[in-house]
Amino acid sequence: MKKAATALALGALLLAPALAQVDAAKSSVIAVSKQMGVPVEGKFRRFSAQVSFDPAKPADGRASIDIDIASFDLGDADFNRETAKKEWFDAAKFPKATFVTTAIKPAGAGKFEAAGKLAIKGITRDVVAPVSFKAEGGQQVFEGVLPIKRLAFNIGEGAWKDTSTVADDVQIRFRIVTARK
């Protein structure tokens, strides 16, 4: 019985669509927030993702993204060091953030909803990311904006919990382009 279950599991893995690697040069993950009412944009310079997606069968799709927290770049070395500290991302203790899909559903022509688990700073939340999809030059392009509340992930502890200085609302803007097969 155990051999049969193992064989079935192995067969399912072999029949599952292959995960495509991301074309890092064409992809991006950016966090946009407001500090004292002024938009501030930070880019994660290092991340990896794997995607398996057929727009004709979205329910069979899956994706995962691992983000290197220490790669967060606000364009200033002092700000970058500050956001790596315990009060913000605590990059030493929590070196990566992850998103793993649990379901993908159609939401209109070229649009989908990717439900999944977002983990930042040791806290995991269920989220739904609206995603647009297009095929471009033999590649797949996924774009979207995921709104989150930074305090739901303890980003900005102590005095930084005050949302009058740094807003609680954050938009995670992403563009994921798969590498050609």
Protein backbone atom coordinates (compact mmCIF):
# COMPACT_ATOMS: atom_id res chain seq x y z
CA MET A 1 0.00 0.00 0.00
CA LYS A 2 2.82 2.40 0.94
CA LYS A 3 4.62 1.70 -2.37
CA ALA A 4 1.41 2.39 -4.33
CA ALA A 5 0.90 5.75 -2.56
CA THR A 6 4.54 6.70 -3.20
CA ALA A 7 4.21 5.73 -6.87
CA LEU A 8 1.01 7.81 -7.22
CA ALA A 9 2.64 10.83 -5.61
CA LEU A 10 5.70 10.52 -7.84
CA GLY A 11 3.47 10.15 -10.89
CA ALA A 12 1.52 13.28 -9.96
CA LEU A 13 4.77 15.23 -9.64
CA LEU A 14 5.98 14.03 -13.03
CA LEU A 15 2.69 14.94 -14.71
CA ALA A 16 2.42 18.37 -13.06
CA PRO A 17 3.41 21.31 -15.26
CA ALA A 18 7.04 22.32 -14.81
CA LEU A 19 7.78 25.39 -12.75
CA ALA A 20 9.25 28.19 -14.85
CA GLN A 21 12.10 30.26 -13.49
CA VAL A 22 11.90 34.02 -13.42
CA ASP A 23 13.75 36.36 -15.75
CA ALA A 24 15.24 38.57 -13.00
CA ALA A 25 16.35 41.30 -15.42
CA LYS A 26 12.74 41.92 -16.46
CA SER A 27 11.05 41.29 -13.09
CA SER A 28 10.59 43.50 -10.04
CA VAL A 29 9.07 43.64 -6.56
CA ILE A 30 8.56 47.16 -5.18
CA ALA A 31 6.98 48.37 -1.93
CA VAL A 32 5.28 51.78 -2.02
CA SER A 33 4.19 53.56 1.15
CA LYS A 34 3.79 57.12 2.36
CA GLN A 35 6.00 58.91 4.83
CA MET A 36 4.53 62.16 6.10
CA GLY A 37 2.11 62.04 3.16
CA VAL A 38 4.85 61.69 0.54
CA PRO A 39 5.08 58.47 -1.53
CA VAL A 40 8.23 56.43 -0.80
CA GLU A 41 9.30 53.56 -3.03
CA GLY A 42 11.67 50.76 -2.10
CA LYS A 43 12.80 47.97 -4.39
CA PHE A 44 13.75 44.44 -3.40
CA ARG A 45 16.93 43.83 -5.41
CA ARG A 46 17.06 40.06 -4.86
CA PHE A 47 14.20 37.59 -5.09
CA SER A 48 13.43 34.30 -6.73
CA ALA A 49 10.18 32.91 -8.00
CA GLN A 50 8.81 29.81 -9.60
CA VAL A 51 5.63 29.81 -11.64
CA SER A 52 3.59 27.11 -13.34
CA PHE A 53 0.64 28.62 -15.17
CA ASP A 54 -1.63 27.83 -18.10
CA PRO A 55 -4.26 30.56 -18.63
CA ALA A 56 -6.66 27.90 -19.96
CA LYS A 57 -6.35 26.00 -16.64
CA PRO A 58 -5.72 28.63 -13.94
CA ALA A 59 -6.85 26.33 -11.10
CA ASP A 60 -3.88 24.05 -11.91
CA GLY A 61 -1.43 26.96 -11.63
CA ARG A 62 0.94 27.60 -8.77
CA ALA A 63 3.56 30.14 -7.85
CA SER A 64 6.00 30.90 -5.08
CA ILE A 65 8.16 33.94 -4.45
CA ASP A 66 11.05 34.24 -1.98
CA ILE A 67 12.25 37.78 -1.28
CA ASP A 68 15.65 38.58 0.25
CA ILE A 69 14.70 41.16 2.90
CA ALA A 70 18.26 42.52 3.20
CA SER A 71 18.07 43.54 -0.47
CA PHE A 72 15.43 46.22 0.25
CA ASP A 73 16.71 49.43 -1.32
CA LEU A 74 15.25 52.86 -0.63
CA GLY A 75 18.04 54.56 -2.58
CA ASP A 76 20.00 55.62 0.54
CA ALA A 77 22.42 53.40 2.51
CA ASP A 78 21.38 54.89 5.89
CA PHE A 79 17.68 54.25 5.20
CA ASN A 80 18.47 50.74 4.01
CA ARG A 81 20.35 49.95 7.24
CA GLU A 82 17.44 51.37 9.28
CA THR A 83 14.80 49.23 7.57
CA ALA A 84 16.89 46.08 8.18
CA LYS A 85 16.74 46.68 11.97
CA LYS A 86 14.42 44.88 14.40
CA GLU A 87 11.85 47.70 14.45
CA TRP A 88 11.27 47.34 10.71
CA PHE A 89 12.04 44.10 8.82
CA ASP A 90 14.42 42.50 11.36
CA ALA A 91 16.39 41.09 8.42
CA ALA A 92 18.87 39.26 10.66
CA LYS A 93 16.12 37.18 12.29
CA PHE A 94 13.75 37.02 9.29
CA PRO A 95 15.95 37.06 6.17
CA LYS A 96 13.18 36.37 3.69
CA ALA A 97 9.54 37.03 2.95
CA THR A 98 7.52 34.50 0.99
CA PHE A 99 4.33 34.25 -0.99
CA VAL A 100 2.92 30.85 -1.98
CA THR A 101 -0.33 30.48 -3.90
CA THR A 102 -3.15 28.32 -2.58
CA ALA A 103 -5.58 28.97 -5.46
CA ILE A 104 -5.75 30.87 -8.75
CA LYS A 105 -9.11 31.93 -10.24
CA PRO A 106 -10.09 33.84 -13.38
CA ALA A 107 -11.28 37.41 -12.82
CA GLY A 108 -11.97 38.63 -16.35
CA ALA A 109 -10.09 38.76 -19.64
CA GLY A 110 -6.36 38.47 -18.86
CA LYS A 111 -7.03 38.93 -15.15
CA PHE A 112 -6.78 36.48 -12.28
CA GLU A 113 -6.90 36.37 -8.50
CA ALA A 114 -4.01 34.60 -6.83
CA ALA A 115 -4.92 33.62 -3.27
CA GLY A 116 -2.08 32.58 -1.06
CA LYS A 117 -0.05 32.82 2.10
CA LEU A 118 2.17 35.88 2.58
CA ALA A 119 4.81 35.55 5.29
CA ILE A 120 6.78 38.57 6.48
CA LYS A 121 8.74 38.86 9.69
CA GLY A 122 7.49 35.50 10.97
CA ILE A 123 3.81 36.36 10.48
CA THR A 124 1.72 34.60 7.84
CA ARG A 125 -1.49 36.08 6.48
CA ASP A 126 -3.97 34.98 3.82
CA VAL A 127 -3.98 37.45 0.94
CA VAL A 128 -5.49 37.74 -2.53
CA ALA A 129 -3.41 39.41 -5.22
CA PRO A 130 -5.13 40.70 -8.36
CA VAL A 131 -2.90 39.69 -11.27
CA SER A 132 -2.92 40.60 -14.94
CA PHE A 133 -1.42 38.09 -17.35
CA LYS A 134 -0.10 38.31 -20.88
CA ALA A 135 2.13 36.24 -23.12
CA GLU A 136 4.95 38.35 -24.53
CA GLY A 137 7.71 37.14 -26.84
CA GLY A 138 7.52 33.55 -25.62
CA GLN A 139 7.46 34.63 -21.99
CA GLN A 140 4.67 34.94 -19.46
CA VAL A 141 4.22 38.31 -17.74
CA PHE A 142 2.35 38.66 -14.44
CA GLU A 143 1.71 42.12 -12.99
CA GLY A 144 -0.25 43.36 -10.03
CA VAL A 145 -0.51 45.41 -6.88
CA LEU A 146 -1.08 43.73 -3.53
CA PRO A 147 -2.26 46.12 -0.80
CA ILE A 148 -1.19 45.17 2.73
CA LYS A 149 -1.14 46.78 6.18
CA ARG A 150 2.45 46.97 7.45
CA LEU A 151 1.40 46.77 11.10
CA ALA A 152 -0.32 43.41 10.41
CA PHE A 153 3.23 42.08 9.92
CA ASN A 154 4.84 44.11 12.77
CA ILE A 155 6.74 46.24 10.28
CA GLY A 156 7.39 49.42 12.21
CA GLU A 157 7.48 48.57 15.90
CA GLY A 158 7.80 50.85 18.93
CA ALA A 159 7.60 54.53 18.03
CA TRP A 160 7.19 53.53 14.36
CA LYS A 161 3.70 52.13 15.02
CA ASP A 162 2.48 55.72 14.79
CA THR A 163 0.86 55.86 11.35
CA SER A 164 0.87 59.67 11.25
CA THR A 165 4.54 59.53 10.21
CA VAL A 166 4.64 56.32 8.14
CA ALA A 167 1.29 55.16 6.76
CA ASP A 168 0.00 51.68 7.54
CA ASP A 169 -1.03 51.12 3.92
CA VAL A 170 1.62 49.60 1.66
CA GLN A 171 1.29 48.55 -1.94
CA ILE A 172 3.47 45.70 -3.12
CA ARG A 173 3.83 46.19 -6.87
CA PHE A 174 5.15 43.23 -8.77
CA ARG A 175 6.10 42.30 -12.30
CA ILE A 176 7.13 38.69 -12.72
CA VAL A 177 8.41 37.57 -16.11
CA THR A 178 9.14 33.90 -16.68
CA ALA A 179 12.29 32.88 -18.49
CA ARG A 180 11.90 31.37 -21.94
CA LYS A 181 11.81 27.60 -21.98
